[in-house]
């Protein structure tokens, strides 16, 4: 008898946590970039701009990782 596939709740909760981190980064990145551009004559302009761009790149990466983790929990990993 073939066992029916079920959602792996542990992996699903990990994916949701990753998506919550992504949500924070999606708001923090553009906010920090906006703050950097509004203070372009201040000494912290370059570090804030780099930090904001880093947050935006990390948001894209965690979005991909979160969606992949959630899909793995729903449909099973390829390696299993």
N, C-alpha and C. Protein backbone atom coordinates (compact mmCIF):
# COMPACT_ATOMS: atom_id res chain seq x y z
N UNK A 1 0.83 -1.18 0.00
CA UNK A 1 0.00 0.00 0.00
C UNK A 1 0.88 1.25 0.00
N UNK A 2 0.55 2.17 -0.84
CA UNK A 2 1.33 3.41 -0.93
C UNK A 2 0.85 4.41 0.11
N UNK A 3 1.80 5.02 0.81
CA UNK A 3 1.48 5.99 1.84
C UNK A 3 1.14 7.33 1.18
N UNK A 4 0.08 7.96 1.65
CA UNK A 4 -0.29 9.26 1.09
C UNK A 4 0.66 10.33 1.61
N UNK A 5 0.94 11.29 0.77
CA UNK A 5 1.85 12.37 1.15
C UNK A 5 1.10 13.38 2.01
N UNK A 6 1.75 13.81 3.06
CA UNK A 6 1.19 14.81 3.95
C UNK A 6 2.15 15.97 4.07
N UNK A 7 1.62 17.11 4.48
CA UNK A 7 2.44 18.30 4.67
C UNK A 7 3.34 18.10 5.88
N UNK A 8 4.62 18.38 5.70
CA UNK A 8 5.57 18.32 6.81
C UNK A 8 5.44 19.63 7.59
N UNK A 9 4.79 19.56 8.74
CA UNK A 9 4.47 20.78 9.50
C UNK A 9 5.71 21.47 10.05
N UNK A 10 6.75 20.71 10.36
CA UNK A 10 7.99 21.30 10.86
C UNK A 10 8.65 22.16 9.78
N UNK A 11 8.73 21.62 8.58
CA UNK A 11 9.34 22.35 7.47
C UNK A 11 8.47 23.54 7.07
N UNK A 12 7.15 23.36 7.15
CA UNK A 12 6.24 24.46 6.83
C UNK A 12 6.41 25.62 7.81
N UNK A 13 6.55 25.31 9.09
CA UNK A 13 6.73 26.40 10.06
C UNK A 13 8.08 27.10 9.86
N UNK A 14 9.09 26.34 9.45
CA UNK A 14 10.39 26.96 9.13
C UNK A 14 10.24 27.90 7.93
N UNK A 15 9.49 27.49 6.91
CA UNK A 15 9.27 28.33 5.75
C UNK A 15 8.50 29.60 6.09
N UNK A 16 7.54 29.48 6.99
CA UNK A 16 6.77 30.66 7.40
C UNK A 16 7.65 31.62 8.19
N UNK A 17 8.55 31.09 9.03
CA UNK A 17 9.48 31.96 9.75
C UNK A 17 10.40 32.70 8.78
N UNK A 18 10.86 32.00 7.75
CA UNK A 18 11.72 32.64 6.75
C UNK A 18 10.94 33.74 6.02
N UNK A 19 9.66 33.49 5.74
CA UNK A 19 8.85 34.50 5.06
C UNK A 19 8.60 35.72 5.96
N UNK A 20 8.51 35.52 7.27
CA UNK A 20 8.36 36.66 8.18
C UNK A 20 9.62 37.51 8.20
N UNK A 21 10.78 36.86 8.15
CA UNK A 21 12.04 37.60 8.05
C UNK A 21 12.07 38.39 6.74
N UNK A 22 11.60 37.76 5.68
CA UNK A 22 11.54 38.42 4.37
C UNK A 22 10.62 39.64 4.43
N UNK A 23 9.50 39.52 5.12
CA UNK A 23 8.56 40.63 5.23
C UNK A 23 9.21 41.82 5.93
N UNK A 24 9.96 41.54 7.01
CA UNK A 24 10.68 42.60 7.70
C UNK A 24 11.68 43.27 6.77
N UNK A 25 12.46 42.45 6.02
CA UNK A 25 13.48 43.00 5.13
C UNK A 25 12.86 43.78 3.97
N UNK A 26 11.66 43.37 3.52
CA UNK A 26 10.99 44.07 2.42
C UNK A 26 10.60 45.50 2.81
N UNK A 27 10.32 45.70 4.08
CA UNK A 27 10.01 47.06 4.54
C UNK A 27 11.26 47.81 4.98
N UNK A 28 12.19 47.12 5.62
CA UNK A 28 13.38 47.78 6.15
C UNK A 28 14.31 48.27 5.03
N UNK A 29 14.49 47.47 3.98
CA UNK A 29 15.41 47.83 2.91
C UNK A 29 15.05 49.14 2.22
N UNK A 30 13.85 49.27 1.65
CA UNK A 30 13.49 50.53 1.01
C UNK A 30 13.43 51.71 1.98
N UNK A 31 13.07 51.45 3.24
CA UNK A 31 13.05 52.54 4.22
C UNK A 31 14.45 53.08 4.47
N UNK A 32 15.42 52.18 4.64
CA UNK A 32 16.79 52.63 4.88
C UNK A 32 17.35 53.32 3.63
N UNK A 33 17.03 52.82 2.45
CA UNK A 33 17.49 53.48 1.21
C UNK A 33 16.88 54.88 1.10
N UNK A 34 15.61 55.02 1.45
CA UNK A 34 14.97 56.33 1.40
C UNK A 34 15.62 57.29 2.40
N UNK A 35 15.91 56.79 3.60
CA UNK A 35 16.57 57.63 4.60
C UNK A 35 17.95 58.06 4.10
N UNK A 36 18.66 57.13 3.46
CA UNK A 36 20.00 57.47 2.94
C UNK A 36 19.90 58.54 1.85
N UNK A 37 18.94 58.41 0.94
CA UNK A 37 18.82 59.39 -0.14
C UNK A 37 18.32 60.74 0.35
N UNK A 38 17.57 60.77 1.43
CA UNK A 38 17.09 62.06 1.93
C UNK A 38 18.16 62.80 2.72
N UNK A 39 19.24 62.11 3.10
CA UNK A 39 20.34 62.75 3.84
C UNK A 39 21.66 62.56 3.09
N UNK A 40 21.70 62.94 1.82
CA UNK A 40 22.89 62.65 1.01
C UNK A 40 24.09 63.53 1.35
N UNK A 41 23.93 64.55 2.16
CA UNK A 41 25.08 65.37 2.54
C UNK A 41 25.61 65.03 3.93
N UNK A 42 25.06 64.01 4.57
CA UNK A 42 25.49 63.58 5.91
C UNK A 42 26.62 62.56 5.78
N UNK A 43 27.43 62.37 6.83
CA UNK A 43 28.55 61.42 6.74
C UNK A 43 28.11 59.94 6.69
N UNK A 44 26.90 59.64 7.13
CA UNK A 44 26.43 58.24 7.11
C UNK A 44 25.70 57.87 5.82
N UNK A 45 25.80 58.71 4.79
CA UNK A 45 25.09 58.46 3.54
C UNK A 45 25.49 57.13 2.91
N UNK A 46 26.78 56.90 2.71
CA UNK A 46 27.26 55.68 2.05
C UNK A 46 26.98 54.43 2.89
N UNK A 47 27.28 54.41 4.19
CA UNK A 47 26.97 53.19 4.96
C UNK A 47 25.47 52.86 4.99
N UNK A 48 24.62 53.88 5.10
CA UNK A 48 23.17 53.62 5.10
C UNK A 48 22.71 53.11 3.74
N UNK A 49 23.26 53.66 2.68
CA UNK A 49 22.90 53.21 1.35
C UNK A 49 23.32 51.76 1.12
N UNK A 50 24.51 51.41 1.55
CA UNK A 50 24.99 50.03 1.41
C UNK A 50 24.12 49.09 2.25
N UNK A 51 23.79 49.50 3.47
CA UNK A 51 22.94 48.67 4.34
C UNK A 51 21.55 48.47 3.73
N UNK A 52 20.99 49.53 3.17
CA UNK A 52 19.67 49.43 2.55
C UNK A 52 19.67 48.51 1.34
N UNK A 53 20.69 48.61 0.51
CA UNK A 53 20.78 47.74 -0.67
C UNK A 53 21.01 46.30 -0.24
N UNK A 54 21.80 46.10 0.82
CA UNK A 54 22.01 44.76 1.36
C UNK A 54 20.70 44.16 1.88
N UNK A 55 19.90 44.97 2.57
CA UNK A 55 18.59 44.50 3.04
C UNK A 55 17.69 44.11 1.87
N UNK A 56 17.71 44.88 0.79
CA UNK A 56 16.88 44.57 -0.37
C UNK A 56 17.31 43.27 -1.03
N UNK A 57 18.61 43.05 -1.15
CA UNK A 57 19.11 41.81 -1.75
C UNK A 57 18.77 40.62 -0.85
N UNK A 58 18.92 40.80 0.46
CA UNK A 58 18.57 39.73 1.39
C UNK A 58 17.08 39.43 1.36
N UNK A 59 16.24 40.43 1.13
CA UNK A 59 14.80 40.20 1.03
C UNK A 59 14.48 39.31 -0.18
N UNK A 60 15.15 39.55 -1.29
CA UNK A 60 14.94 38.73 -2.48
C UNK A 60 15.40 37.29 -2.22
N UNK A 61 16.56 37.15 -1.58
CA UNK A 61 17.08 35.82 -1.29
C UNK A 61 16.18 35.06 -0.32
N UNK A 62 15.73 35.72 0.76
CA UNK A 62 14.88 35.02 1.72
C UNK A 62 13.50 34.73 1.15
N UNK A 63 13.03 35.55 0.22
CA UNK A 63 11.76 35.26 -0.46
C UNK A 63 11.88 33.95 -1.24
N UNK A 64 12.95 33.81 -2.00
CA UNK A 64 13.18 32.58 -2.76
C UNK A 64 13.30 31.38 -1.82
N UNK A 65 14.10 31.52 -0.77
CA UNK A 65 14.33 30.42 0.17
C UNK A 65 13.05 30.05 0.91
N UNK A 66 12.25 31.04 1.30
CA UNK A 66 11.00 30.77 1.99
C UNK A 66 9.99 30.05 1.12
N UNK A 67 9.85 30.50 -0.12
CA UNK A 67 8.91 29.84 -1.03
C UNK A 67 9.37 28.42 -1.33
N UNK A 68 10.67 28.23 -1.52
CA UNK A 68 11.20 26.89 -1.79
C UNK A 68 10.96 25.97 -0.59
N UNK A 69 11.17 26.47 0.62
CA UNK A 69 10.95 25.67 1.82
C UNK A 69 9.48 25.28 1.97
N UNK A 70 8.58 26.22 1.72
CA UNK A 70 7.15 25.92 1.81
C UNK A 70 6.75 24.91 0.75
N UNK A 71 7.26 25.04 -0.46
CA UNK A 71 6.94 24.07 -1.51
C UNK A 71 7.48 22.69 -1.16
N UNK A 72 8.67 22.64 -0.56
CA UNK A 72 9.22 21.35 -0.13
C UNK A 72 8.35 20.70 0.94
N UNK A 73 7.79 21.52 1.82
CA UNK A 73 6.94 20.94 2.87
C UNK A 73 5.63 20.42 2.30
N UNK A 74 5.13 21.05 1.26
CA UNK A 74 3.85 20.63 0.67
C UNK A 74 4.02 19.44 -0.26
N UNK A 75 5.04 19.45 -1.08
CA UNK A 75 5.17 18.44 -2.12
C UNK A 75 6.30 17.45 -1.89
N UNK A 76 7.07 17.62 -0.82
CA UNK A 76 8.19 16.72 -0.53
C UNK A 76 9.43 17.18 -1.23
N UNK A 77 10.58 16.82 -0.61
CA UNK A 77 11.85 17.20 -1.19
C UNK A 77 12.18 16.31 -2.37
N UNK A 78 13.04 16.80 -3.26
CA UNK A 78 13.46 16.02 -4.41
C UNK A 78 14.35 14.85 -3.99
N UNK A 79 15.12 15.02 -2.91
CA UNK A 79 16.07 14.00 -2.49
C UNK A 79 15.45 12.84 -1.75
N UNK A 80 14.22 12.93 -1.33
CA UNK A 80 13.61 11.84 -0.54
C UNK A 80 13.04 10.75 -1.40
